[in-house]
Amino acid sequence: MDNPLQGWSSTFDGAAEITTAELMTRHPSGSGVARPMRWDFHTEAAGPVWDMYAAREMRNFGGRYFLVGALPGRALHTINIFGMDGSPLSSTA
């Protein structure tokens, strides 16, 4: 965390095994063909951090639906919070 609550960085310089998600469900990975991999990510927050303690009264919390998807060059993030009676309390994407 370079700047807590506002951005972070991740750097990696090592090896990555060439595999698929299907193969990793059948046996441990780590003995396959490896290739060099390197990344250097630096991020900035797109909006303010949500403080669940200061944001709202949660006595009526019934549940939530949470979805994160990665697409080429894009990301999808949605959360829907609903009350004990199923009524929507918050929907964000």
PDB file of N, CA and C in Angstrom:
ATOM      1  N   MET A   1       0.850  -1.175   0.000  1.00  0.00           N
ATOM      2  CA  MET A   1       0.000   0.000   0.000  1.00  0.00           C
ATOM      3  C   MET A   1       0.893   1.236   0.000  1.00  0.00           C
ATOM      4  N   ASP A   2       1.055   1.837  -1.127  1.00  0.00           N
ATOM      5  CA  ASP A   2       1.885   3.041  -1.227  1.00  0.00           C
ATOM      6  C   ASP A   2       1.219   4.240  -0.565  1.00  0.00           C
ATOM      7  N   ASN A   3      -0.085   4.334  -0.758  1.00  0.00           N
ATOM      8  CA  ASN A   3      -0.853   5.459  -0.256  1.00  0.00           C
ATOM      9  C   ASN A   3      -2.159   4.877   0.285  1.00  0.00           C
ATOM     10  N   PRO A   4      -2.197   4.470   1.572  1.00  0.00           N
ATOM     11  CA  PRO A   4      -3.357   3.759   2.103  1.00  0.00           C
ATOM     12  C   PRO A   4      -4.688   4.430   1.745  1.00  0.00           C
ATOM     13  N   LEU A   5      -5.621   3.591   1.303  1.00  0.00           N
ATOM     14  CA  LEU A   5      -6.975   3.963   0.908  1.00  0.00           C
ATOM     15  C   LEU A   5      -7.034   4.778  -0.383  1.00  0.00           C
ATOM     16  N   GLN A   6      -5.894   4.976  -1.038  1.00  0.00           N
ATOM     17  CA  GLN A   6      -5.910   5.755  -2.273  1.00  0.00           C
ATOM     18  C   GLN A   6      -5.181   5.085  -3.435  1.00  0.00           C
ATOM     19  N   GLY A   7      -4.372   4.075  -3.164  1.00  0.00           N
ATOM     20  CA  GLY A   7      -3.675   3.404  -4.248  1.00  0.00           C
ATOM     21  C   GLY A   7      -2.715   2.355  -3.740  1.00  0.00           C
ATOM     22  N   TRP A   8      -2.292   1.470  -4.648  1.00  0.00           N
ATOM     23  CA  TRP A   8      -1.337   0.431  -4.284  1.00  0.00           C
ATOM     24  C   TRP A   8      -0.493   0.072  -5.497  1.00  0.00           C
ATOM     25  N   SER A   9       0.590  -0.635  -5.230  1.00  0.00           N
ATOM     26  CA  SER A   9       1.488  -1.093  -6.292  1.00  0.00           C
ATOM     27  C   SER A   9       1.782  -2.569  -6.104  1.00  0.00           C
ATOM     28  N   SER A  10       2.056  -3.252  -7.203  1.00  0.00           N
ATOM     29  CA  SER A  10       2.449  -4.662  -7.171  1.00  0.00           C
ATOM     30  C   SER A  10       3.504  -4.874  -8.235  1.00  0.00           C
ATOM     31  N   THR A  11       4.619  -5.470  -7.832  1.00  0.00           N
ATOM     32  CA  THR A  11       5.710  -5.747  -8.750  1.00  0.00           C
ATOM     33  C   THR A  11       6.077  -7.224  -8.640  1.00  0.00           C
ATOM     34  N   PHE A  12       6.293  -7.874  -9.767  1.00  0.00           N
ATOM     35  CA  PHE A  12       6.687  -9.277  -9.789  1.00  0.00           C
ATOM     36  C   PHE A  12       7.687  -9.481 -10.902  1.00  0.00           C
ATOM     37  N   ASP A  13       8.732 -10.248 -10.627  1.00  0.00           N
ATOM     38  CA  ASP A  13       9.730 -10.610 -11.632  1.00  0.00           C
ATOM     39  C   ASP A  13      10.141 -12.042 -11.324  1.00  0.00           C
ATOM     40  N   GLY A  14       9.576 -12.998 -12.051  1.00  0.00           N
ATOM     41  CA  GLY A  14       9.842 -14.397 -11.754  1.00  0.00           C
ATOM     42  C   GLY A  14       9.344 -15.292 -12.869  1.00  0.00           C
ATOM     43  N   ALA A  15       8.905 -16.497 -12.493  1.00  0.00           N
ATOM     44  CA  ALA A  15       8.449 -17.472 -13.473  1.00  0.00           C
ATOM     45  C   ALA A  15       6.973 -17.784 -13.252  1.00  0.00           C
ATOM     46  N   ALA A  16       6.281 -18.116 -14.324  1.00  0.00           N
ATOM     47  CA  ALA A  16       4.880 -18.515 -14.267  1.00  0.00           C
ATOM     48  C   ALA A  16       4.721 -19.795 -15.073  1.00  0.00           C
ATOM     49  N   GLU A  17       3.962 -20.735 -14.535  1.00  0.00           N
ATOM     50  CA  GLU A  17       3.719 -22.003 -15.223  1.00  0.00           C
ATOM     51  C   GLU A  17       2.599 -21.837 -16.234  1.00  0.00           C
ATOM     52  N   ILE A  18       2.760 -22.409 -17.398  1.00  0.00           N
ATOM     53  CA  ILE A  18       1.732 -22.392 -18.417  1.00  0.00           C
ATOM     54  C   ILE A  18       0.752 -23.521 -18.080  1.00  0.00           C
ATOM     55  N   THR A  19      -0.503 -23.170 -17.831  1.00  0.00           N
ATOM     56  CA  THR A  19      -1.517 -24.150 -17.446  1.00  0.00           C
ATOM     57  C   THR A  19      -2.899 -23.597 -17.760  1.00  0.00           C
ATOM     58  N   THR A  20      -3.920 -24.326 -17.398  1.00  0.00           N
ATOM     59  CA  THR A  20      -5.295 -23.873 -17.547  1.00  0.00           C
ATOM     60  C   THR A  20      -6.013 -24.056 -16.220  1.00  0.00           C
ATOM     61  N   ALA A  21      -7.135 -23.375 -16.053  1.00  0.00           N
ATOM     62  CA  ALA A  21      -7.923 -23.530 -14.834  1.00  0.00           C
ATOM     63  C   ALA A  21      -8.404 -24.968 -14.692  1.00  0.00           C
ATOM     64  N   GLU A  22      -8.760 -25.611 -15.795  1.00  0.00           N
ATOM     65  CA  GLU A  22      -9.244 -26.996 -15.760  1.00  0.00           C
ATOM     66  C   GLU A  22      -8.149 -27.945 -15.260  1.00  0.00           C
ATOM     67  N   LEU A  23      -6.922 -27.777 -15.728  1.00  0.00           N
ATOM     68  CA  LEU A  23      -5.820 -28.623 -15.275  1.00  0.00           C
ATOM     69  C   LEU A  23      -5.523 -28.413 -13.790  1.00  0.00           C
ATOM     70  N   MET A  24      -5.648 -27.180 -13.309  1.00  0.00           N
ATOM     71  CA  MET A  24      -5.358 -26.915 -11.894  1.00  0.00           C
ATOM     72  C   MET A  24      -6.399 -27.524 -10.971  1.00  0.00           C
ATOM     73  N   THR A  25      -7.600 -27.854 -11.488  1.00  0.00           N
ATOM     74  CA  THR A  25      -8.596 -28.509 -10.642  1.00  0.00           C
ATOM     75  C   THR A  25      -8.312 -29.997 -10.490  1.00  0.00           C
ATOM     76  N   ARG A  26      -7.455 -30.563 -11.346  1.00  0.00           N
ATOM     77  CA  ARG A  26      -7.169 -32.002 -11.309  1.00  0.00           C
ATOM     78  C   ARG A  26      -5.926 -32.367 -10.522  1.00  0.00           C
ATOM     79  N   HIS A  27      -4.929 -31.483 -10.496  1.00  0.00           N
ATOM     80  CA  HIS A  27      -3.698 -31.805  -9.763  1.00  0.00           C
ATOM     81  C   HIS A  27      -2.953 -30.514  -9.454  1.00  0.00           C
ATOM     82  N   PRO A  28      -2.064 -30.569  -8.450  1.00  0.00           N
ATOM     83  CA  PRO A  28      -1.289 -29.366  -8.118  1.00  0.00           C
ATOM     84  C   PRO A  28      -0.431 -28.941  -9.302  1.00  0.00           C
ATOM     85  N   SER A  29      -0.262 -27.658  -9.443  1.00  0.00           N
ATOM     86  CA  SER A  29       0.606 -27.163 -10.499  1.00  0.00           C
ATOM     87  C   SER A  29       1.999 -26.934  -9.915  1.00  0.00           C
ATOM     88  N   GLY A  30       2.935 -26.672 -10.769  1.00  0.00           N
ATOM     89  CA  GLY A  30       4.294 -26.391 -10.322  1.00  0.00           C
ATOM     90  C   GLY A  30       5.344 -27.237 -11.003  1.00  0.00           C
ATOM     91  N   SER A  31       4.932 -28.179 -11.846  1.00  0.00           N
ATOM     92  CA  SER A  31       5.931 -29.026 -12.508  1.00  0.00           C
ATOM     93  C   SER A  31       5.842 -28.930 -14.026  1.00  0.00           C
ATOM     94  N   GLY A  32       5.095 -27.957 -14.513  1.00  0.00           N
ATOM     95  CA  GLY A  32       4.921 -27.811 -15.955  1.00  0.00           C
ATOM     96  C   GLY A  32       5.911 -26.843 -16.564  1.00  0.00           C
ATOM     97  N   VAL A  33       5.678 -26.536 -17.819  1.00  0.00           N
ATOM     98  CA  VAL A  33       6.526 -25.596 -18.550  1.00  0.00           C
ATOM     99  C   VAL A  33       6.358 -24.209 -17.947  1.00  0.00           C
ATOM    100  N   ALA A  34       7.455 -23.543 -17.674  1.00  0.00           N
ATOM    101  CA  ALA A  34       7.421 -22.201 -17.080  1.00  0.00           C
ATOM    102  C   ALA A  34       8.004 -21.187 -18.062  1.00  0.00           C
ATOM    103  N   ARG A  35       7.527 -19.971 -17.933  1.00  0.00           N
ATOM    104  CA  ARG A  35       8.015 -18.854 -18.754  1.00  0.00           C
ATOM    105  C   ARG A  35       8.309 -17.673 -17.837  1.00  0.00           C
ATOM    106  N   PRO A  36       9.246 -16.833 -18.221  1.00  0.00           N
ATOM    107  CA  PRO A  36       9.496 -15.621 -17.423  1.00  0.00           C
ATOM    108  C   PRO A  36       8.260 -14.722 -17.441  1.00  0.00           C
ATOM    109  N   MET A  37       7.999 -14.087 -16.331  1.00  0.00           N
ATOM    110  CA  MET A  37       6.878 -13.165 -16.241  1.00  0.00           C
ATOM    111  C   MET A  37       7.293 -11.982 -15.389  1.00  0.00           C
ATOM    112  N   ARG A  38       6.847 -10.815 -15.808  1.00  0.00           N
ATOM    113  CA  ARG A  38       7.172  -9.599 -15.069  1.00  0.00           C
ATOM    114  C   ARG A  38       5.996  -8.643 -15.166  1.00  0.00           C
ATOM    115  N   TRP A  39       5.664  -7.993 -14.048  1.00  0.00           N
ATOM    116  CA  TRP A  39       4.672  -6.926 -14.083  1.00  0.00           C
ATOM    117  C   TRP A  39       5.024  -5.865 -13.064  1.00  0.00           C
ATOM    118  N   ASP A  40       4.481  -4.697 -13.307  1.00  0.00           N
ATOM    119  CA  ASP A  40       4.679  -3.551 -12.422  1.00  0.00           C
ATOM    120  C   ASP A  40       3.400  -2.715 -12.496  1.00  0.00           C
ATOM    121  N   PHE A  41       2.476  -2.935 -11.543  1.00  0.00           N
ATOM    122  CA  PHE A  41       1.198  -2.238 -11.508  1.00  0.00           C
ATOM    123  C   PHE A  41       1.234  -1.107 -10.498  1.00  0.00           C
ATOM    124  N   HIS A  42       0.646   0.008 -10.870  1.00  0.00           N
ATOM    125  CA  HIS A  42       0.447   1.126  -9.950  1.00  0.00           C
ATOM    126  C   HIS A  42      -0.996   1.574 -10.128  1.00  0.00           C
ATOM    127  N   THR A  43      -1.749   1.667  -9.044  1.00  0.00           N
ATOM    128  CA  THR A  43      -3.161   2.000  -9.149  1.00  0.00           C
ATOM    129  C   THR A  43      -3.501   3.258  -8.371  1.00  0.00           C
ATOM    130  N   GLU A  44      -4.643   3.833  -8.720  1.00  0.00           N
ATOM    131  CA  GLU A  44      -5.224   4.949  -7.976  1.00  0.00           C
ATOM    132  C   GLU A  44      -6.686   4.627  -7.739  1.00  0.00           C
ATOM    133  N   ALA A  45      -7.209   4.980  -6.593  1.00  0.00           N
ATOM    134  CA  ALA A  45      -8.611   4.719  -6.272  1.00  0.00           C
ATOM    135  C   ALA A  45      -9.507   5.478  -7.241  1.00  0.00           C
ATOM    136  N   ALA A  46     -10.582   4.809  -7.697  1.00  0.00           N
ATOM    137  CA  ALA A  46     -11.535   5.448  -8.599  1.00  0.00           C
ATOM    138  C   ALA A  46     -12.568   6.261  -7.834  1.00  0.00           C
ATOM    139  N   GLY A  47     -12.665   6.041  -6.533  1.00  0.00           N
ATOM    140  CA  GLY A  47     -13.638   6.757  -5.711  1.00  0.00           C
ATOM    141  C   GLY A  47     -13.265   6.608  -4.246  1.00  0.00           C
ATOM    142  N   PRO A  48     -14.006   7.235  -3.374  1.00  0.00           N
ATOM    143  CA  PRO A  48     -13.698   7.142  -1.951  1.00  0.00           C
ATOM    144  C   PRO A  48     -13.943   5.721  -1.430  1.00  0.00           C
ATOM    145  N   VAL A  49     -13.211   5.354  -0.405  1.00  0.00           N
ATOM    146  CA  VAL A  49     -13.376   4.047   0.225  1.00  0.00           C
ATOM    147  C   VAL A  49     -14.678   4.032   1.001  1.00  0.00           C
ATOM    148  N   TRP A  50     -15.433   2.926   0.879  1.00  0.00           N
ATOM    149  CA  TRP A  50     -16.699   2.791   1.604  1.00  0.00           C
ATOM    150  C   TRP A  50     -16.396   2.342   3.019  1.00  0.00           C
ATOM    151  N   ASP A  51     -16.852   3.102   3.989  1.00  0.00           N
ATOM    152  CA  ASP A  51     -16.676   2.777   5.411  1.00  0.00           C
ATOM    153  C   ASP A  51     -17.968   2.138   5.910  1.00  0.00           C
ATOM    154  N   MET A  52     -17.970   0.813   6.057  1.00  0.00           N
ATOM    155  CA  MET A  52     -19.200   0.123   6.426  1.00  0.00           C
ATOM    156  C   MET A  52     -19.691   0.494   7.815  1.00  0.00           C
ATOM    157  N   TYR A  53     -18.813   1.024   8.657  1.00  0.00           N
ATOM    158  CA  TYR A  53     -19.231   1.381  10.014  1.00  0.00           C
ATOM    159  C   TYR A  53     -19.873   2.767  10.059  1.00  0.00           C
ATOM    160  N   ALA A  54     -19.452   3.652   9.185  1.00  0.00           N
ATOM    161  CA  ALA A  54     -19.996   5.006   9.190  1.00  0.00           C
ATOM    162  C   ALA A  54     -21.078   5.201   8.118  1.00  0.00           C
ATOM    163  N   ALA A  55     -21.240   4.233   7.217  1.00  0.00           N
ATOM    164  CA  ALA A  55     -22.086   4.431   6.046  1.00  0.00           C
ATOM    165  C   ALA A  55     -23.579   4.341   6.331  1.00  0.00           C
ATOM    166  N   ARG A  56     -24.040   3.364   7.125  1.00  0.00           N
ATOM    167  CA  ARG A  56     -25.479   3.192   7.317  1.00  0.00           C
ATOM    168  C   ARG A  56     -25.752   2.275   8.498  1.00  0.00           C
ATOM    169  N   GLU A  57     -26.964   2.289   8.944  1.00  0.00           N
ATOM    170  CA  GLU A  57     -27.455   1.374   9.977  1.00  0.00           C
ATOM    171  C   GLU A  57     -27.613  -0.010   9.334  1.00  0.00           C
ATOM    172  N   MET A  58     -27.067  -1.051   9.934  1.00  0.00           N
ATOM    173  CA  MET A  58     -27.087  -2.367   9.319  1.00  0.00           C
ATOM    174  C   MET A  58     -27.974  -3.385  10.048  1.00  0.00           C
ATOM    175  N   ARG A  59     -28.843  -2.939  10.954  1.00  0.00           N
ATOM    176  CA  ARG A  59     -29.703  -3.890  11.667  1.00  0.00           C
ATOM    177  C   ARG A  59     -30.658  -4.629  10.738  1.00  0.00           C
ATOM    178  N   ASN A  60     -31.004  -4.019   9.602  1.00  0.00           N
ATOM    179  CA  ASN A  60     -31.939  -4.626   8.661  1.00  0.00           C
ATOM    180  C   ASN A  60     -31.228  -5.452   7.585  1.00  0.00           C
ATOM    181  N   PHE A  61     -29.915  -5.675   7.723  1.00  0.00           N
ATOM    182  CA  PHE A  61     -29.139  -6.384   6.701  1.00  0.00           C
ATOM    183  C   PHE A  61     -29.664  -7.809   6.530  1.00  0.00           C
ATOM    184  N   GLY A  62     -30.092  -8.127   5.312  1.00  0.00           N
ATOM    185  CA  GLY A  62     -30.605  -9.463   5.018  1.00  0.00           C
ATOM    186  C   GLY A  62     -29.634 -10.300   4.207  1.00  0.00           C
ATOM    187  N   GLY A  63     -28.840  -9.663   3.381  1.00  0.00           N
ATOM    188  CA  GLY A  63     -27.885 -10.391   2.555  1.00  0.00           C
ATOM    189  C   GLY A  63     -27.334  -9.501   1.460  1.00  0.00           C
ATOM    190  N   ARG A  64     -26.529 -10.111   0.579  1.00  0.00           N
ATOM    191  CA  ARG A  64     -25.928  -9.344  -0.509  1.00  0.00           C
ATOM    192  C   ARG A  64     -25.586 -10.266  -1.657  1.00  0.00           C
ATOM    193  N   TYR A  65     -25.534  -9.701  -2.852  1.00  0.00           N
ATOM    194  CA  TYR A  65     -25.019 -10.360  -4.041  1.00  0.00           C
ATOM    195  C   TYR A  65     -23.789  -9.574  -4.460  1.00  0.00           C
ATOM    196  N   PHE A  66     -22.708 -10.274  -4.764  1.00  0.00           N
ATOM    197  CA  PHE A  66     -21.437  -9.649  -5.079  1.00  0.00           C
ATOM    198  C   PHE A  66     -20.892 -10.311  -6.340  1.00  0.00           C
ATOM    199  N   LEU A  67     -20.468  -9.520  -7.322  1.00  0.00           N
ATOM    200  CA  LEU A  67     -19.954 -10.061  -8.573  1.00  0.00           C
ATOM    201  C   LEU A  67     -18.745  -9.256  -9.018  1.00  0.00           C
ATOM    202  N   VAL A  68     -17.680  -9.958  -9.391  1.00  0.00           N
ATOM    203  CA  VAL A  68     -16.501  -9.327  -9.976  1.00  0.00           C
ATOM    204  C   VAL A  68     -16.169 -10.092 -11.250  1.00  0.00           C
ATOM    205  N   GLY A  69     -15.967  -9.390 -12.341  1.00  0.00           N
ATOM    206  CA  GLY A  69     -15.615 -10.030 -13.598  1.00  0.00           C
ATOM    207  C   GLY A  69     -14.454  -9.316 -14.258  1.00  0.00           C
ATOM    208  N   ALA A  70     -13.567 -10.078 -14.878  1.00  0.00           N
ATOM    209  CA  ALA A  70     -12.427  -9.513 -15.597  1.00  0.00           C
ATOM    210  C   ALA A  70     -12.639  -9.730 -17.088  1.00  0.00           C
ATOM    211  N   LEU A  71     -12.548  -8.662 -17.840  1.00  0.00           N
ATOM    212  CA  LEU A  71     -12.708  -8.693 -19.285  1.00  0.00           C
ATOM    213  C   LEU A  71     -11.469  -8.071 -19.905  1.00  0.00           C
ATOM    214  N   PRO A  72     -11.172  -8.349 -21.166  1.00  0.00           N
ATOM    215  CA  PRO A  72     -10.003  -7.728 -21.789  1.00  0.00           C
ATOM    216  C   PRO A  72     -10.057  -6.202 -21.699  1.00  0.00           C
ATOM    217  N   GLY A  73      -9.158  -5.617 -20.945  1.00  0.00           N
ATOM    218  CA  GLY A  73      -9.094  -4.169 -20.816  1.00  0.00           C
ATOM    219  C   GLY A  73     -10.159  -3.548 -19.943  1.00  0.00           C
ATOM    220  N   ARG A  74     -10.961  -4.357 -19.264  1.00  0.00           N
ATOM    221  CA  ARG A  74     -12.065  -3.845 -18.450  1.00  0.00           C
ATOM    222  C   ARG A  74     -12.255  -4.708 -17.209  1.00  0.00           C
ATOM    223  N   ALA A  75     -12.991  -4.189 -16.257  1.00  0.00           N
ATOM    224  CA  ALA A  75     -13.380  -4.950 -15.068  1.00  0.00           C
ATOM    225  C   ALA A  75     -14.824  -4.615 -14.737  1.00  0.00           C
ATOM    226  N   LEU A  76     -15.519  -5.566 -14.162  1.00  0.00           N
ATOM    227  CA  LEU A  76     -16.905  -5.392 -13.758  1.00  0.00           C
ATOM    228  C   LEU A  76     -16.997  -5.712 -12.269  1.00  0.00           C
ATOM    229  N   HIS A  77     -17.620  -4.828 -11.512  1.00  0.00           N
ATOM    230  CA  HIS A  77     -17.751  -5.020 -10.066  1.00  0.00           C
ATOM    231  C   HIS A  77     -19.125  -4.507  -9.662  1.00  0.00           C
ATOM    232  N   THR A  78     -19.953  -5.387  -9.141  1.00  0.00           N
ATOM    233  CA  THR A  78     -21.278  -4.982  -8.676  1.00  0.00           C
ATOM    234  C   THR A  78     -21.535  -5.555  -7.291  1.00  0.00           C
ATOM    235  N   ILE A  79     -22.317  -4.844  -6.499  1.00  0.00           N
ATOM    236  CA  ILE A  79     -22.764  -5.337  -5.204  1.00  0.00           C
ATOM    237  C   ILE A  79     -24.189  -4.852  -4.981  1.00  0.00           C
ATOM    238  N   ASN A  80     -25.034  -5.759  -4.566  1.00  0.00           N
ATOM    239  CA  ASN A  80     -26.420  -5.445  -4.236  1.00  0.00           C
ATOM    240  C   ASN A  80     -26.676  -5.908  -2.811  1.00  0.00           C
ATOM    241  N   ILE A  81     -27.110  -5.002  -1.958  1.00  0.00           N
ATOM    242  CA  ILE A  81     -27.398  -5.307  -0.561  1.00  0.00           C
ATOM    243  C   ILE A  81     -28.906  -5.206  -0.369  1.00  0.00           C
ATOM    244  N   PHE A  82     -29.494  -6.203   0.302  1.00  0.00           N
ATOM    245  CA  PHE A  82     -30.934  -6.180   0.521  1.00  0.00           C
ATOM    246  C   PHE A  82     -31.262  -6.409   1.993  1.00  0.00           C
ATOM    247  N   GLY A  83     -32.453  -5.935   2.378  1.00  0.00           N
ATOM    248  CA  GLY A  83     -32.897  -6.016   3.774  1.00  0.00           C
ATOM    249  C   GLY A  83     -33.478  -7.369   4.130  1.00  0.00           C
ATOM    250  N   MET A  84     -33.875  -7.519   5.393  1.00  0.00           N
ATOM    251  CA  MET A  84     -34.442  -8.765   5.888  1.00  0.00           C
ATOM    252  C   MET A  84     -35.689  -9.162   5.109  1.00  0.00           C
ATOM    253  N   ASP A  85     -36.422  -8.187   4.614  1.00  0.00           N
ATOM    254  CA  ASP A  85     -37.646  -8.475   3.857  1.00  0.00           C
ATOM    255  C   ASP A  85     -37.411  -8.596   2.358  1.00  0.00           C
ATOM    256  N   GLY A  86     -36.144  -8.537   1.933  1.00  0.00           N
ATOM    257  CA  GLY A  86     -35.804  -8.633   0.516  1.00  0.00           C
ATOM    258  C   GLY A  86     -35.783  -7.314  -0.226  1.00  0.00           C
ATOM    259  N   SER A  87     -36.136  -6.225   0.441  1.00  0.00           N
ATOM    260  CA  SER A  87     -36.126  -4.914  -0.219  1.00  0.00           C
ATOM    261  C   SER A  87     -34.689  -4.434  -0.444  1.00  0.00           C
ATOM    262  N   PRO A  88     -34.417  -3.752  -1.569  1.00  0.00           N
ATOM    263  CA  PRO A  88     -33.060  -3.283  -1.857  1.00  0.00           C
ATOM    264  C   PRO A  88     -32.637  -2.163  -0.899  1.00  0.00           C
ATOM    265  N   LEU A  89     -31.405  -2.270  -0.383  1.00  0.00           N
ATOM    266  CA  LEU A  89     -30.835  -1.220   0.457  1.00  0.00           C
ATOM    267  C   LEU A  89     -29.778  -0.426  -0.301  1.00  0.00           C
ATOM    268  N   SER A  90     -29.045  -1.106  -1.191  1.00  0.00           N
ATOM    269  CA  SER A  90     -27.995  -0.438  -1.952  1.00  0.00           C
ATOM    270  C   SER A  90     -27.672  -1.272  -3.178  1.00  0.00           C
ATOM    271  N   SER A  91     -27.483  -0.612  -4.314  1.00  0.00           N
ATOM    272  CA  SER A  91     -27.034  -1.256  -5.551  1.00  0.00           C
ATOM    273  C   SER A  91     -25.960  -0.379  -6.152  1.00  0.00           C
ATOM    274  N   THR A  92     -24.797  -0.959  -6.374  1.00  0.00           N
ATOM    275  CA  THR A  92     -23.664  -0.212  -6.894  1.00  0.00           C
ATOM    276  C   THR A  92     -22.957  -1.043  -7.952  1.00  0.00           C
ATOM    277  N   ALA A  93     -22.488  -0.391  -9.003  1.00  0.00           N
ATOM    278  CA  ALA A  93     -21.711  -1.096 -10.038  1.00  0.00           C
ATOM    279  C   ALA A  93     -20.620  -0.186 -10.542  1.00  0.00           C
TER     280      ALA A  93
END
